[in-house]
């Protein structure tokens, strides 16, 4: 999806919920849409302060906006338990994750065989898949 389209969707969604469309919400969404990686709230705030130093956005605004964007299915997250969440753009092609429990590195991957196997398992059980995510936890080559 293009940034303009998602920003327009965000504006319509916010207004449909009776909320105000703010520059802060748009900036946070833009940062996630432009990022290739997975960012936590503190990293997003750092990018906001670096890229938009004149904008007055605090960590509470970042957390509230992330929660709203995730509930609205404009972004998704991976939970790291006590370490919190990392967020990513949902308009990327479907992918799964390998997550290093030591350093926190997240590797994205796509595997047609795994996708086909999941579809077959669902079909065998007369189950209709609406969405799914796979997260495999372990140690990366630098940490084991």
C-alpha atoms as a PDB file:
ATOM      1  CA  UNK A   1       0.000   0.000   0.000  1.00  0.00           C
ATOM      2  CA  UNK A   2       1.165   3.496  -0.667  1.00  0.00           C
ATOM      3  CA  UNK A   3       1.743   5.938   2.192  1.00  0.00           C
ATOM      4  CA  UNK A   4      -0.913   8.370   0.881  1.00  0.00           C
ATOM      5  CA  UNK A   5      -3.528   5.606   0.781  1.00  0.00           C
ATOM      6  CA  UNK A   6      -2.764   4.428   4.316  1.00  0.00           C
ATOM      7  CA  UNK A   7      -2.711   7.967   5.627  1.00  0.00           C
ATOM      8  CA  UNK A   8      -6.116   8.567   4.021  1.00  0.00           C
ATOM      9  CA  UNK A   9      -7.394   5.315   5.586  1.00  0.00           C
ATOM     10  CA  UNK A  10      -6.043   6.425   8.957  1.00  0.00           C
ATOM     11  CA  UNK A  11      -7.736   9.808   8.649  1.00  0.00           C
ATOM     12  CA  UNK A  12     -11.094   8.208   7.770  1.00  0.00           C
ATOM     13  CA  UNK A  13     -10.791   5.614  10.527  1.00  0.00           C
ATOM     14  CA  UNK A  14      -9.953   8.164  13.198  1.00  0.00           C
ATOM     15  CA  UNK A  15     -12.793  10.439  12.130  1.00  0.00           C
ATOM     16  CA  UNK A  16     -15.270   7.518  12.007  1.00  0.00           C
ATOM     17  CA  UNK A  17     -14.462   6.848  15.677  1.00  0.00           C
ATOM     18  CA  UNK A  18     -15.195  10.481  16.538  1.00  0.00           C
ATOM     19  CA  UNK A  19     -11.537  11.190  17.219  1.00  0.00           C
ATOM     20  CA  UNK A  20      -9.350  13.961  15.904  1.00  0.00           C
ATOM     21  CA  UNK A  21      -6.847  13.308  13.150  1.00  0.00           C
ATOM     22  CA  UNK A  22      -3.569  14.659  14.492  1.00  0.00           C
ATOM     23  CA  UNK A  23      -0.166  15.241  13.012  1.00  0.00           C
ATOM     24  CA  UNK A  24       1.322  13.118  15.810  1.00  0.00           C
ATOM     25  CA  UNK A  25      -0.714  10.059  14.817  1.00  0.00           C
ATOM     26  CA  UNK A  26       0.190  10.556  11.156  1.00  0.00           C
ATOM     27  CA  UNK A  27       3.908  10.892  11.986  1.00  0.00           C
ATOM     28  CA  UNK A  28       3.968   7.690  14.049  1.00  0.00           C
ATOM     29  CA  UNK A  29       2.159   5.751  11.315  1.00  0.00           C
ATOM     30  CA  UNK A  30       4.513   7.169   8.674  1.00  0.00           C
ATOM     31  CA  UNK A  31       7.577   6.077  10.668  1.00  0.00           C
ATOM     32  CA  UNK A  32       6.267   2.509  10.879  1.00  0.00           C
ATOM     33  CA  UNK A  33       5.260   2.430   7.231  1.00  0.00           C
ATOM     34  CA  UNK A  34       8.664   3.646   6.097  1.00  0.00           C
ATOM     35  CA  UNK A  35      10.590   1.254   8.346  1.00  0.00           C
ATOM     36  CA  UNK A  36      11.777  -2.104   7.039  1.00  0.00           C
ATOM     37  CA  UNK A  37      12.334  -3.363  10.542  1.00  0.00           C
ATOM     38  CA  UNK A  38      10.505  -3.848  13.823  1.00  0.00           C
ATOM     39  CA  UNK A  39      10.495  -0.905  16.220  1.00  0.00           C
ATOM     40  CA  UNK A  40       9.526  -0.590  19.861  1.00  0.00           C
ATOM     41  CA  UNK A  41       7.928   2.543  21.331  1.00  0.00           C
ATOM     42  CA  UNK A  42      11.249   4.014  22.504  1.00  0.00           C
ATOM     43  CA  UNK A  43      12.813   3.519  19.057  1.00  0.00           C
ATOM     44  CA  UNK A  44       9.808   5.185  17.418  1.00  0.00           C
ATOM     45  CA  UNK A  45      10.093   8.133  19.803  1.00  0.00           C
ATOM     46  CA  UNK A  46      13.814   8.461  18.955  1.00  0.00           C
ATOM     47  CA  UNK A  47      12.987   8.546  15.227  1.00  0.00           C
ATOM     48  CA  UNK A  48      10.255  11.140  15.840  1.00  0.00           C
ATOM     49  CA  UNK A  49      12.675  13.364  17.771  1.00  0.00           C
ATOM     50  CA  UNK A  50      15.415  12.964  15.145  1.00  0.00           C
ATOM     51  CA  UNK A  51      13.208  13.428  12.090  1.00  0.00           C
ATOM     52  CA  UNK A  52      10.651  15.894  13.524  1.00  0.00           C
ATOM     53  CA  UNK A  53      12.449  17.825  16.293  1.00  0.00           C
ATOM     54  CA  UNK A  54       9.816  20.584  16.228  1.00  0.00           C
ATOM     55  CA  UNK A  55       7.006  18.111  17.005  1.00  0.00           C
ATOM     56  CA  UNK A  56       5.924  17.753  20.602  1.00  0.00           C
ATOM     57  CA  UNK A  57       5.317  14.005  20.958  1.00  0.00           C
ATOM     58  CA  UNK A  58       5.907  12.210  24.232  1.00  0.00           C
ATOM     59  CA  UNK A  59       6.147   8.512  25.024  1.00  0.00           C
ATOM     60  CA  UNK A  60       2.524   8.398  26.281  1.00  0.00           C
ATOM     61  CA  UNK A  61       1.315   9.658  22.886  1.00  0.00           C
ATOM     62  CA  UNK A  62       3.446   7.040  21.149  1.00  0.00           C
ATOM     63  CA  UNK A  63       1.964   4.219  23.260  1.00  0.00           C
ATOM     64  CA  UNK A  64      -1.635   5.445  22.826  1.00  0.00           C
ATOM     65  CA  UNK A  65      -1.156   5.822  19.070  1.00  0.00           C
ATOM     66  CA  UNK A  66       0.473   2.391  18.712  1.00  0.00           C
ATOM     67  CA  UNK A  67      -2.391   0.797  20.616  1.00  0.00           C
ATOM     68  CA  UNK A  68      -4.956   2.558  18.406  1.00  0.00           C
ATOM     69  CA  UNK A  69      -3.111   1.677  15.173  1.00  0.00           C
ATOM     70  CA  UNK A  70      -2.815  -1.971  16.195  1.00  0.00           C
ATOM     71  CA  UNK A  71      -6.495  -2.211  17.195  1.00  0.00           C
ATOM     72  CA  UNK A  72      -7.320  -0.693  13.798  1.00  0.00           C
ATOM     73  CA  UNK A  73      -5.170  -3.333  11.998  1.00  0.00           C
ATOM     74  CA  UNK A  74      -2.903  -0.721  10.421  1.00  0.00           C
ATOM     75  CA  UNK A  75       0.161  -2.141  12.211  1.00  0.00           C
ATOM     76  CA  UNK A  76       0.980  -5.415  13.962  1.00  0.00           C
ATOM     77  CA  UNK A  77       3.213  -6.335  16.852  1.00  0.00           C
ATOM     78  CA  UNK A  78       5.376  -9.089  18.208  1.00  0.00           C
ATOM     79  CA  UNK A  79       5.331  -9.389  21.994  1.00  0.00           C
ATOM     80  CA  UNK A  80       8.561  -9.798  23.910  1.00  0.00           C
ATOM     81  CA  UNK A  81       6.979 -10.378  27.319  1.00  0.00           C
ATOM     82  CA  UNK A  82       8.436  -8.047  29.922  1.00  0.00           C
ATOM     83  CA  UNK A  83      10.484  -6.339  27.217  1.00  0.00           C
ATOM     84  CA  UNK A  84       7.315  -5.076  25.524  1.00  0.00           C
ATOM     85  CA  UNK A  85       6.299  -5.111  21.891  1.00  0.00           C
ATOM     86  CA  UNK A  86       7.922  -4.379  18.570  1.00  0.00           C
ATOM     87  CA  UNK A  87       5.714  -3.031  15.802  1.00  0.00           C
ATOM     88  CA  UNK A  88       5.723  -3.360  12.042  1.00  0.00           C
ATOM     89  CA  UNK A  89       3.850  -2.286   8.971  1.00  0.00           C
ATOM     90  CA  UNK A  90       0.981  -4.643   8.035  1.00  0.00           C
ATOM     91  CA  UNK A  91       1.056  -3.715   4.368  1.00  0.00           C
ATOM     92  CA  UNK A  92       4.180  -5.844   3.856  1.00  0.00           C
ATOM     93  CA  UNK A  93       3.823  -9.185   2.106  1.00  0.00           C
ATOM     94  CA  UNK A  94       2.862 -11.960   4.548  1.00  0.00           C
ATOM     95  CA  UNK A  95       5.895 -13.340   6.322  1.00  0.00           C
ATOM     96  CA  UNK A  96       6.878 -15.231   9.447  1.00  0.00           C
ATOM     97  CA  UNK A  97       9.550 -14.536  12.049  1.00  0.00           C
ATOM     98  CA  UNK A  98      12.618 -16.117  13.602  1.00  0.00           C
ATOM     99  CA  UNK A  99      13.295 -14.285  16.865  1.00  0.00           C
ATOM    100  CA  UNK A 100      16.563 -14.506  18.806  1.00  0.00           C
ATOM    101  CA  UNK A 101      15.841 -14.708  22.530  1.00  0.00           C
ATOM    102  CA  UNK A 102      19.317 -13.449  23.422  1.00  0.00           C
ATOM    103  CA  UNK A 103      19.824 -10.350  21.263  1.00  0.00           C
ATOM    104  CA  UNK A 104      16.257  -9.735  20.060  1.00  0.00           C
ATOM    105  CA  UNK A 105      17.095  -9.799  16.365  1.00  0.00           C
ATOM    106  CA  UNK A 106      14.071 -10.577  14.213  1.00  0.00           C
ATOM    107  CA  UNK A 107      14.539 -12.355  10.910  1.00  0.00           C
ATOM    108  CA  UNK A 108      11.624 -12.313   8.478  1.00  0.00           C
ATOM    109  CA  UNK A 109      11.136 -15.247   6.135  1.00  0.00           C
ATOM    110  CA  UNK A 110       8.682 -16.564   3.578  1.00  0.00           C
ATOM    111  CA  UNK A 111       8.362 -20.285   2.946  1.00  0.00           C
ATOM    112  CA  UNK A 112       5.842 -21.625   0.418  1.00  0.00           C
ATOM    113  CA  UNK A 113       6.080 -25.163   1.824  1.00  0.00           C
ATOM    114  CA  UNK A 114       5.124 -24.015   5.328  1.00  0.00           C
ATOM    115  CA  UNK A 115       2.238 -21.958   3.949  1.00  0.00           C
ATOM    116  CA  UNK A 116       0.984 -24.939   1.909  1.00  0.00           C
ATOM    117  CA  UNK A 117       1.219 -27.239   4.940  1.00  0.00           C
ATOM    118  CA  UNK A 118      -0.815 -24.814   7.066  1.00  0.00           C
ATOM    119  CA  UNK A 119      -3.469 -24.598   4.351  1.00  0.00           C
ATOM    120  CA  UNK A 120      -3.616 -28.404   4.119  1.00  0.00           C
ATOM    121  CA  UNK A 121      -3.913 -28.810   7.893  1.00  0.00           C
ATOM    122  CA  UNK A 122      -6.799 -26.329   7.930  1.00  0.00           C
ATOM    123  CA  UNK A 123      -8.477 -27.981   4.933  1.00  0.00           C
ATOM    124  CA  UNK A 124      -8.198 -31.448   6.532  1.00  0.00           C
ATOM    125  CA  UNK A 125     -10.032 -30.098   9.561  1.00  0.00           C
ATOM    126  CA  UNK A 126     -12.588 -28.099   7.554  1.00  0.00           C
ATOM    127  CA  UNK A 127     -11.154 -24.955   9.139  1.00  0.00           C
ATOM    128  CA  UNK A 128     -11.300 -21.560   7.448  1.00  0.00           C
ATOM    129  CA  UNK A 129      -8.133 -19.511   8.040  1.00  0.00           C
ATOM    130  CA  UNK A 130      -8.671 -15.757   8.333  1.00  0.00           C
ATOM    131  CA  UNK A 131      -5.128 -14.876   9.313  1.00  0.00           C
ATOM    132  CA  UNK A 132      -2.116 -16.361  11.021  1.00  0.00           C
ATOM    133  CA  UNK A 133       1.343 -15.548  12.243  1.00  0.00           C
ATOM    134  CA  UNK A 134       4.264 -17.765  13.065  1.00  0.00           C
ATOM    135  CA  UNK A 135       7.018 -16.792  15.455  1.00  0.00           C
ATOM    136  CA  UNK A 136       9.884 -19.168  16.079  1.00  0.00           C
ATOM    137  CA  UNK A 137      12.028 -18.376  19.118  1.00  0.00           C
ATOM    138  CA  UNK A 138      15.601 -19.517  19.546  1.00  0.00           C
ATOM    139  CA  UNK A 139      19.183 -18.287  19.238  1.00  0.00           C
ATOM    140  CA  UNK A 140      20.698 -16.694  16.134  1.00  0.00           C
ATOM    141  CA  UNK A 141      24.092 -17.711  14.809  1.00  0.00           C
ATOM    142  CA  UNK A 142      25.785 -14.899  16.767  1.00  0.00           C
ATOM    143  CA  UNK A 143      24.253 -15.942  20.110  1.00  0.00           C
ATOM    144  CA  UNK A 144      24.539 -19.742  20.215  1.00  0.00           C
END
